[in-house]
C-alpha atoms as a PDB file:
ATOM      1  CA  MET A   1     -15.536 -12.473 -48.129  1.00  0.00           C
ATOM      2  CA  THR A   2     -16.620 -11.550 -44.630  1.00  0.00           C
ATOM      3  CA  ALA A   3     -16.013  -8.216 -43.034  1.00  0.00           C
ATOM      4  CA  VAL A   4     -15.506  -7.630 -39.327  1.00  0.00           C
ATOM      5  CA  ALA A   5     -17.501  -4.735 -37.957  1.00  0.00           C
ATOM      6  CA  LEU A   6     -15.439  -2.634 -35.582  1.00  0.00           C
ATOM      7  CA  GLU A   7     -16.347   0.619 -33.934  1.00  0.00           C
ATOM      8  CA  SER A   8     -15.055   3.725 -35.604  1.00  0.00           C
ATOM      9  CA  GLY A   9     -12.646   4.534 -32.751  1.00  0.00           C
ATOM     10  CA  TYR A  10     -11.427   0.976 -32.184  1.00  0.00           C
ATOM     11  CA  TRP A  11      -7.865   1.454 -33.425  1.00  0.00           C
ATOM     12  CA  SER A  12      -7.539   4.740 -31.575  1.00  0.00           C
ATOM     13  CA  SER A  13      -8.599   3.209 -28.271  1.00  0.00           C
ATOM     14  CA  LEU A  14      -6.369   0.190 -28.914  1.00  0.00           C
ATOM     15  CA  GLY A  15      -3.416   2.525 -29.469  1.00  0.00           C
ATOM     16  CA  GLU A  16      -4.206   4.367 -26.247  1.00  0.00           C
ATOM     17  CA  GLY A  17      -4.352   1.077 -24.353  1.00  0.00           C
ATOM     18  CA  VAL A  18      -1.025  -0.115 -25.747  1.00  0.00           C
ATOM     19  CA  GLY A  19       0.497   3.275 -24.957  1.00  0.00           C
ATOM     20  CA  ALA A  20      -0.770   3.059 -21.379  1.00  0.00           C
ATOM     21  CA  ILE A  21       0.720  -0.420 -20.968  1.00  0.00           C
ATOM     22  CA  ILE A  22       4.107   0.761 -22.229  1.00  0.00           C
ATOM     23  CA  LEU A  23       3.954   3.834 -19.983  1.00  0.00           C
ATOM     24  CA  TYR A  24       3.132   1.732 -16.907  1.00  0.00           C
ATOM     25  CA  ALA A  25       5.974  -0.639 -17.751  1.00  0.00           C
ATOM     26  CA  LEU A  26       8.468   2.217 -18.043  1.00  0.00           C
ATOM     27  CA  VAL A  27       7.216   3.865 -14.851  1.00  0.00           C
ATOM     28  CA  GLY A  28       7.521   0.510 -13.070  1.00  0.00           C
ATOM     29  CA  LEU A  29      11.091   0.022 -14.235  1.00  0.00           C
ATOM     30  CA  VAL A  30      12.086   3.546 -13.224  1.00  0.00           C
ATOM     31  CA  LEU A  31      10.454   3.182  -9.800  1.00  0.00           C
ATOM     32  CA  MET A  32      12.119  -0.185  -9.293  1.00  0.00           C
ATOM     33  CA  LEU A  33      15.530   1.285 -10.079  1.00  0.00           C
ATOM     34  CA  VAL A  34      14.972   4.379  -7.935  1.00  0.00           C
ATOM     35  CA  GLY A  35      13.798   2.291  -4.983  1.00  0.00           C
ATOM     36  CA  PHE A  36      16.678  -0.140  -5.290  1.00  0.00           C
ATOM     37  CA  TYR A  37      19.294   2.603  -5.435  1.00  0.00           C
ATOM     38  CA  ALA A  38      17.640   4.513  -2.587  1.00  0.00           C
ATOM     39  CA  ILE A  39      17.896   1.432  -0.384  1.00  0.00           C
ATOM     40  CA  ASP A  40      21.405   0.689  -1.674  1.00  0.00           C
ATOM     41  CA  LEU A  41      22.607   4.200  -0.810  1.00  0.00           C
ATOM     42  CA  THR A  42      21.164   4.075   2.703  1.00  0.00           C
ATOM     43  CA  THR A  43      22.697   0.716   3.625  1.00  0.00           C
ATOM     44  CA  PRO A  44      26.388  -0.046   4.029  1.00  0.00           C
ATOM     45  CA  GLY A  45      28.048  -1.992   1.223  1.00  0.00           C
ATOM     46  CA  LYS A  46      26.643  -3.077  -2.109  1.00  0.00           C
ATOM     47  CA  LEU A  47      23.120  -4.313  -1.478  1.00  0.00           C
ATOM     48  CA  SER A  48      22.553  -6.437  -4.575  1.00  0.00           C
ATOM     49  CA  VAL A  49      25.812  -8.293  -4.240  1.00  0.00           C
ATOM     50  CA  ARG A  50      25.416  -8.822  -0.519  1.00  0.00           C
ATOM     51  CA  VAL A  51      21.812 -10.079  -0.659  1.00  0.00           C
ATOM     52  CA  ILE A  52      22.356 -12.505  -3.533  1.00  0.00           C
ATOM     53  CA  GLU A  53      25.646 -13.840  -2.171  1.00  0.00           C
ATOM     54  CA  ARG A  54      24.122 -14.522   1.256  1.00  0.00           C
ATOM     55  CA  ALA A  55      20.856 -15.959  -0.007  1.00  0.00           C
ATOM     56  CA  LEU A  56      22.254 -18.196  -2.724  1.00  0.00           C
ATOM     57  CA  GLY A  57      25.883 -18.700  -1.763  1.00  0.00           C
ATOM     58  CA  ILE A  58      27.090 -17.414  -5.140  1.00  0.00           C
ATOM     59  CA  ASP A  59      30.333 -15.523  -5.673  1.00  0.00           C
ATOM     60  CA  ILE A  60      29.023 -12.655  -7.815  1.00  0.00           C
ATOM     61  CA  GLY A  61      32.479 -11.340  -8.670  1.00  0.00           C
ATOM     62  CA  ALA A  62      33.552 -14.665 -10.144  1.00  0.00           C
ATOM     63  CA  ALA A  63      30.278 -15.004 -12.044  1.00  0.00           C
ATOM     64  CA  LEU A  64      30.645 -11.536 -13.570  1.00  0.00           C
ATOM     65  CA  HIS A  65      34.229 -12.137 -14.682  1.00  0.00           C
ATOM     66  CA  SER A  66      33.591 -15.601 -16.073  1.00  0.00           C
ATOM     67  CA  ASP A  67      34.037 -16.094 -19.827  1.00  0.00           C
ATOM     68  CA  THR A  68      31.061 -18.458 -20.072  1.00  0.00           C
ATOM     69  CA  TYR A  69      27.550 -18.440 -18.674  1.00  0.00           C
ATOM     70  CA  THR A  70      27.250 -20.639 -15.632  1.00  0.00           C
ATOM     71  CA  THR A  71      24.245 -21.758 -13.645  1.00  0.00           C
ATOM     72  CA  GLU A  72      24.976 -19.033 -11.108  1.00  0.00           C
ATOM     73  CA  VAL A  73      24.511 -16.374 -13.781  1.00  0.00           C
ATOM     74  CA  LEU A  74      21.131 -17.815 -14.675  1.00  0.00           C
ATOM     75  CA  VAL A  75      20.085 -17.818 -11.018  1.00  0.00           C
ATOM     76  CA  VAL A  76      21.076 -14.164 -10.619  1.00  0.00           C
ATOM     77  CA  ALA A  77      19.219 -13.220 -13.821  1.00  0.00           C
ATOM     78  CA  ALA A  78      16.151 -15.126 -12.635  1.00  0.00           C
ATOM     79  CA  ALA A  79      16.283 -13.301  -9.289  1.00  0.00           C
ATOM     80  CA  HIS A  80      16.322  -9.920 -11.020  1.00  0.00           C
ATOM     81  CA  PHE A  81      13.498 -10.993 -13.334  1.00  0.00           C
ATOM     82  CA  ALA A  82      11.435 -12.180 -10.365  1.00  0.00           C
ATOM     83  CA  LEU A  83      11.989  -8.877  -8.571  1.00  0.00           C
ATOM     84  CA  GLY A  84      10.797  -7.062 -11.669  1.00  0.00           C
ATOM     85  CA  LEU A  85       7.652  -9.196 -11.768  1.00  0.00           C
ATOM     86  CA  VAL A  86       6.918  -8.430  -8.131  1.00  0.00           C
ATOM     87  CA  VAL A  87       7.193  -4.700  -8.794  1.00  0.00           C
ATOM     88  CA  ALA A  88       5.082  -4.950 -11.947  1.00  0.00           C
ATOM     89  CA  PHE A  89       2.286  -6.790 -10.141  1.00  0.00           C
ATOM     90  CA  ALA A  90       2.479  -4.343  -7.238  1.00  0.00           C
ATOM     91  CA  ILE A  91       1.886  -1.462  -9.640  1.00  0.00           C
ATOM     92  CA  LEU A  92      -1.035  -3.200 -11.292  1.00  0.00           C
END
């Protein structure tokens, strides 16, 4: 049997690193939501619906009330995911 030699504080520092990653992720999500709602409150109309409908030509109301997932729903989800990635990389 072989044994792996690790420093005595390895697991402690690993836990701190994982905790920091989770904290940064949560801070990023909160800042993304706060920024979005701050812009949404200062502009007329619903910002998310207006931007996505104009950019992609998707009727958000029909997509939200649809009984099945359509390609439009996937595009909207991908847009939100991409926005989250932009914010995450901006924080890093």
